[in-house]
Each structure stands twice: as C-alpha cells, then as structure tokens.
Amino acid sequence: MPHEPVSPIHELVHGDEEYRQLEAQHHDYESRLGELADKAVLSDEEQVEETTLKKKKLQIKDRLQEMVRRGQGAVAQP
C-alpha cells in the first residue's frame, strides 16, 4: 500500500517540538484574550495585558507561518 504524501504542516505538528510549543502558546494567548473579551470593563492592567497578548500572539503566528513556508520550500526542493 503506497504512503500518501505528508504535508509540511503535518510534519511540523508531529515532528517539530518548537512548532508544537509555539502552537500551544498561541492557544494559551487566545484563551486568555477570550477571557478578557468576556469582561464588560477592563482594568488598566488588563488593558495592557490585552495589548501585550495580541502582539505576542501575532509574533507567534508570524513565526509559525514562517516555519510552514520554510518547510514547504524544503519539500519542493529535491
């Protein structure tokens, strides 16, 4: 039975510890941002936290996307 090609994302998720850690951190930030969004009013500290988390989450997303692009490039080259 022939093996189906494995996508670069699949390889990253299952084989790259850094990718998994970044993905977990991204999820944690998303969860905390959801908690903050549920509040009617944020304290000054919570507003700063929200802004900081949004920036960190975006940085992680950019890093994950770069890892995927790098992985796709490695797959495309013989």
N, C-alpha and C. Protein backbone atom coordinates (compact mmCIF):
# COMPACT_ATOMS: atom_id res chain seq x y z
N MET A 1 0.85 -1.18 0.00
CA MET A 1 0.00 0.00 0.00
C MET A 1 0.89 1.24 0.00
N PRO A 2 0.75 2.12 -0.99
CA PRO A 2 1.61 3.32 -1.06
C PRO A 2 1.25 4.31 0.04
N HIS A 3 2.27 5.02 0.51
CA HIS A 3 2.05 6.06 1.52
C HIS A 3 1.64 7.34 0.83
N GLU A 4 0.68 8.03 1.44
CA GLU A 4 0.27 9.32 0.90
C GLU A 4 1.28 10.37 1.33
N PRO A 5 1.50 11.39 0.49
CA PRO A 5 2.45 12.44 0.86
C PRO A 5 2.00 13.13 2.15
N VAL A 6 2.96 13.48 2.97
CA VAL A 6 2.68 14.15 4.23
C VAL A 6 2.89 15.64 4.03
N SER A 7 1.92 16.44 4.45
CA SER A 7 2.02 17.89 4.28
C SER A 7 3.08 18.45 5.22
N PRO A 8 3.69 19.58 4.84
CA PRO A 8 4.69 20.20 5.71
C PRO A 8 4.12 20.57 7.07
N ILE A 9 2.86 20.99 7.11
CA ILE A 9 2.25 21.35 8.39
C ILE A 9 2.13 20.11 9.26
N HIS A 10 1.70 19.00 8.68
CA HIS A 10 1.59 17.75 9.42
C HIS A 10 2.93 17.35 10.00
N GLU A 11 3.98 17.46 9.19
CA GLU A 11 5.33 17.11 9.65
C GLU A 11 5.75 18.02 10.80
N LEU A 12 5.46 19.32 10.69
CA LEU A 12 5.82 20.25 11.75
C LEU A 12 5.09 19.94 13.04
N VAL A 13 3.79 19.72 12.92
CA VAL A 13 2.97 19.49 14.12
C VAL A 13 3.41 18.22 14.83
N HIS A 14 3.76 17.20 14.06
CA HIS A 14 4.09 15.92 14.67
C HIS A 14 5.57 15.71 14.89
N GLY A 15 6.42 16.53 14.27
CA GLY A 15 7.84 16.26 14.37
C GLY A 15 8.69 17.39 14.90
N ASP A 16 8.14 18.57 15.07
CA ASP A 16 8.94 19.72 15.47
C ASP A 16 8.44 20.23 16.83
N GLU A 17 9.27 20.03 17.83
CA GLU A 17 8.90 20.42 19.20
C GLU A 17 8.69 21.92 19.31
N GLU A 18 9.52 22.73 18.64
CA GLU A 18 9.36 24.18 18.69
C GLU A 18 8.00 24.59 18.13
N TYR A 19 7.60 23.99 17.01
CA TYR A 19 6.31 24.31 16.40
C TYR A 19 5.17 23.98 17.38
N ARG A 20 5.24 22.81 17.98
CA ARG A 20 4.17 22.41 18.93
C ARG A 20 4.12 23.37 20.12
N GLN A 21 5.29 23.77 20.63
CA GLN A 21 5.31 24.69 21.76
C GLN A 21 4.73 26.05 21.39
N LEU A 22 5.11 26.54 20.21
CA LEU A 22 4.58 27.82 19.75
C LEU A 22 3.07 27.75 19.54
N GLU A 23 2.61 26.65 18.98
CA GLU A 23 1.18 26.48 18.76
C GLU A 23 0.42 26.45 20.10
N ALA A 24 0.98 25.78 21.09
CA ALA A 24 0.35 25.72 22.41
C ALA A 24 0.33 27.11 23.05
N GLN A 25 1.42 27.86 22.92
CA GLN A 25 1.48 29.21 23.47
C GLN A 25 0.45 30.11 22.78
N HIS A 26 0.33 29.98 21.47
CA HIS A 26 -0.65 30.75 20.71
C HIS A 26 -2.06 30.46 21.23
N HIS A 27 -2.34 29.19 21.47
CA HIS A 27 -3.64 28.79 22.01
C HIS A 27 -3.87 29.39 23.40
N ASP A 28 -2.85 29.36 24.25
CA ASP A 28 -2.97 29.95 25.59
C ASP A 28 -3.28 31.44 25.52
N TYR A 29 -2.58 32.14 24.64
CA TYR A 29 -2.84 33.57 24.47
C TYR A 29 -4.27 33.80 23.98
N GLU A 30 -4.71 32.98 23.04
CA GLU A 30 -6.07 33.10 22.50
C GLU A 30 -7.10 32.89 23.62
N SER A 31 -6.87 31.91 24.46
CA SER A 31 -7.79 31.63 25.57
C SER A 31 -7.87 32.81 26.53
N ARG A 32 -6.71 33.35 26.90
CA ARG A 32 -6.69 34.47 27.83
C ARG A 32 -7.35 35.70 27.20
N LEU A 33 -7.11 35.93 25.93
CA LEU A 33 -7.76 37.06 25.25
C LEU A 33 -9.28 36.87 25.24
N GLY A 34 -9.73 35.64 25.11
CA GLY A 34 -11.17 35.36 25.18
C GLY A 34 -11.74 35.70 26.54
N GLU A 35 -10.97 35.37 27.59
CA GLU A 35 -11.41 35.70 28.95
C GLU A 35 -11.52 37.21 29.12
N LEU A 36 -10.52 37.91 28.62
CA LEU A 36 -10.55 39.38 28.74
C LEU A 36 -11.69 39.98 27.93
N ALA A 37 -11.97 39.40 26.77
CA ALA A 37 -13.05 39.91 25.92
C ALA A 37 -14.42 39.73 26.57
N ASP A 38 -14.54 38.73 27.42
CA ASP A 38 -15.82 38.47 28.09
C ASP A 38 -16.12 39.49 29.18
N LYS A 39 -15.12 40.23 29.62
CA LYS A 39 -15.33 41.22 30.68
C LYS A 39 -15.96 42.48 30.10
N ALA A 40 -16.85 43.06 30.87
CA ALA A 40 -17.51 44.29 30.43
C ALA A 40 -16.54 45.47 30.44
N VAL A 41 -15.72 45.53 31.48
CA VAL A 41 -14.76 46.62 31.62
C VAL A 41 -13.42 46.03 32.05
N LEU A 42 -12.35 46.50 31.42
CA LEU A 42 -11.02 46.03 31.77
C LEU A 42 -10.31 47.06 32.64
N SER A 43 -9.57 46.57 33.63
CA SER A 43 -8.73 47.46 34.43
C SER A 43 -7.57 47.94 33.56
N ASP A 44 -6.83 48.91 34.07
CA ASP A 44 -5.67 49.40 33.32
C ASP A 44 -4.68 48.27 33.06
N GLU A 45 -4.45 47.45 34.08
CA GLU A 45 -3.51 46.32 33.93
C GLU A 45 -4.01 45.33 32.88
N GLU A 46 -5.31 45.08 32.88
CA GLU A 46 -5.89 44.15 31.90
C GLU A 46 -5.81 44.70 30.48
N GLN A 47 -5.97 46.01 30.34
CA GLN A 47 -5.84 46.62 29.02
C GLN A 47 -4.42 46.47 28.48
N VAL A 48 -3.44 46.67 29.36
CA VAL A 48 -2.04 46.50 28.96
C VAL A 48 -1.79 45.03 28.62
N GLU A 49 -2.31 44.13 29.46
CA GLU A 49 -2.15 42.70 29.21
C GLU A 49 -2.76 42.31 27.86
N GLU A 50 -3.95 42.83 27.58
CA GLU A 50 -4.62 42.51 26.32
C GLU A 50 -3.77 42.95 25.12
N THR A 51 -3.26 44.16 25.17
CA THR A 51 -2.43 44.68 24.08
C THR A 51 -1.17 43.85 23.92
N THR A 52 -0.54 43.53 25.04
CA THR A 52 0.69 42.72 25.02
C THR A 52 0.42 41.33 24.45
N LEU A 53 -0.68 40.71 24.88
CA LEU A 53 -1.00 39.37 24.39
C LEU A 53 -1.29 39.37 22.90
N LYS A 54 -1.98 40.39 22.43
CA LYS A 54 -2.27 40.48 20.99
C LYS A 54 -0.97 40.57 20.18
N LYS A 55 -0.02 41.36 20.68
CA LYS A 55 1.26 41.49 19.98
C LYS A 55 2.03 40.17 20.00
N LYS A 56 2.07 39.53 21.17
CA LYS A 56 2.79 38.26 21.28
C LYS A 56 2.14 37.18 20.42
N LYS A 57 0.82 37.17 20.40
CA LYS A 57 0.10 36.18 19.60
C LYS A 57 0.40 36.38 18.12
N LEU A 58 0.45 37.61 17.67
CA LEU A 58 0.77 37.90 16.27
C LEU A 58 2.21 37.49 15.94
N GLN A 59 3.13 37.74 16.86
CA GLN A 59 4.52 37.33 16.63
C GLN A 59 4.63 35.81 16.49
N ILE A 60 3.91 35.09 17.33
CA ILE A 60 3.93 33.63 17.25
C ILE A 60 3.30 33.16 15.94
N LYS A 61 2.19 33.77 15.56
CA LYS A 61 1.54 33.39 14.30
C LYS A 61 2.49 33.60 13.13
N ASP A 62 3.19 34.73 13.13
CA ASP A 62 4.16 35.00 12.07
C ASP A 62 5.26 33.95 12.07
N ARG A 63 5.74 33.56 13.24
CA ARG A 63 6.80 32.55 13.34
C ARG A 63 6.30 31.19 12.84
N LEU A 64 5.08 30.82 13.20
CA LEU A 64 4.52 29.55 12.74
C LEU A 64 4.39 29.55 11.22
N GLN A 65 3.91 30.65 10.66
CA GLN A 65 3.76 30.73 9.21
C GLN A 65 5.12 30.65 8.51
N GLU A 66 6.14 31.27 9.11
CA GLU A 66 7.48 31.20 8.54
C GLU A 66 8.00 29.77 8.57
N MET A 67 7.73 29.06 9.64
CA MET A 67 8.16 27.66 9.74
C MET A 67 7.47 26.81 8.68
N VAL A 68 6.20 27.08 8.43
CA VAL A 68 5.47 26.33 7.40
C VAL A 68 6.05 26.64 6.02
N ARG A 69 6.29 27.93 5.75
CA ARG A 69 6.87 28.31 4.45
C ARG A 69 8.23 27.65 4.26
N ARG A 70 9.04 27.67 5.29
CA ARG A 70 10.36 27.04 5.22
C ARG A 70 10.22 25.54 4.98
N GLY A 71 9.26 24.93 5.63
CA GLY A 71 9.02 23.50 5.44
C GLY A 71 8.53 23.19 4.05
N GLN A 72 7.68 24.03 3.49
CA GLN A 72 7.19 23.81 2.13
C GLN A 72 8.32 23.96 1.12
N GLY A 73 9.21 24.90 1.36
CA GLY A 73 10.35 25.09 0.47
C GLY A 73 11.27 23.90 0.49
N ALA A 74 11.44 23.29 1.65
CA ALA A 74 12.29 22.10 1.76
C ALA A 74 11.67 20.93 1.04
N VAL A 75 10.34 20.83 1.06
CA VAL A 75 9.65 19.75 0.39
C VAL A 75 9.69 19.93 -1.12
N ALA A 76 9.61 21.20 -1.58
CA ALA A 76 9.58 21.49 -3.02
C ALA A 76 10.94 21.26 -3.67
N GLN A 77 12.02 21.39 -2.90
CA GLN A 77 13.35 21.22 -3.47
C GLN A 77 13.77 19.76 -3.34
N PRO A 78 14.33 19.16 -4.42
CA PRO A 78 14.75 17.76 -4.36
C PRO A 78 15.98 17.57 -3.51
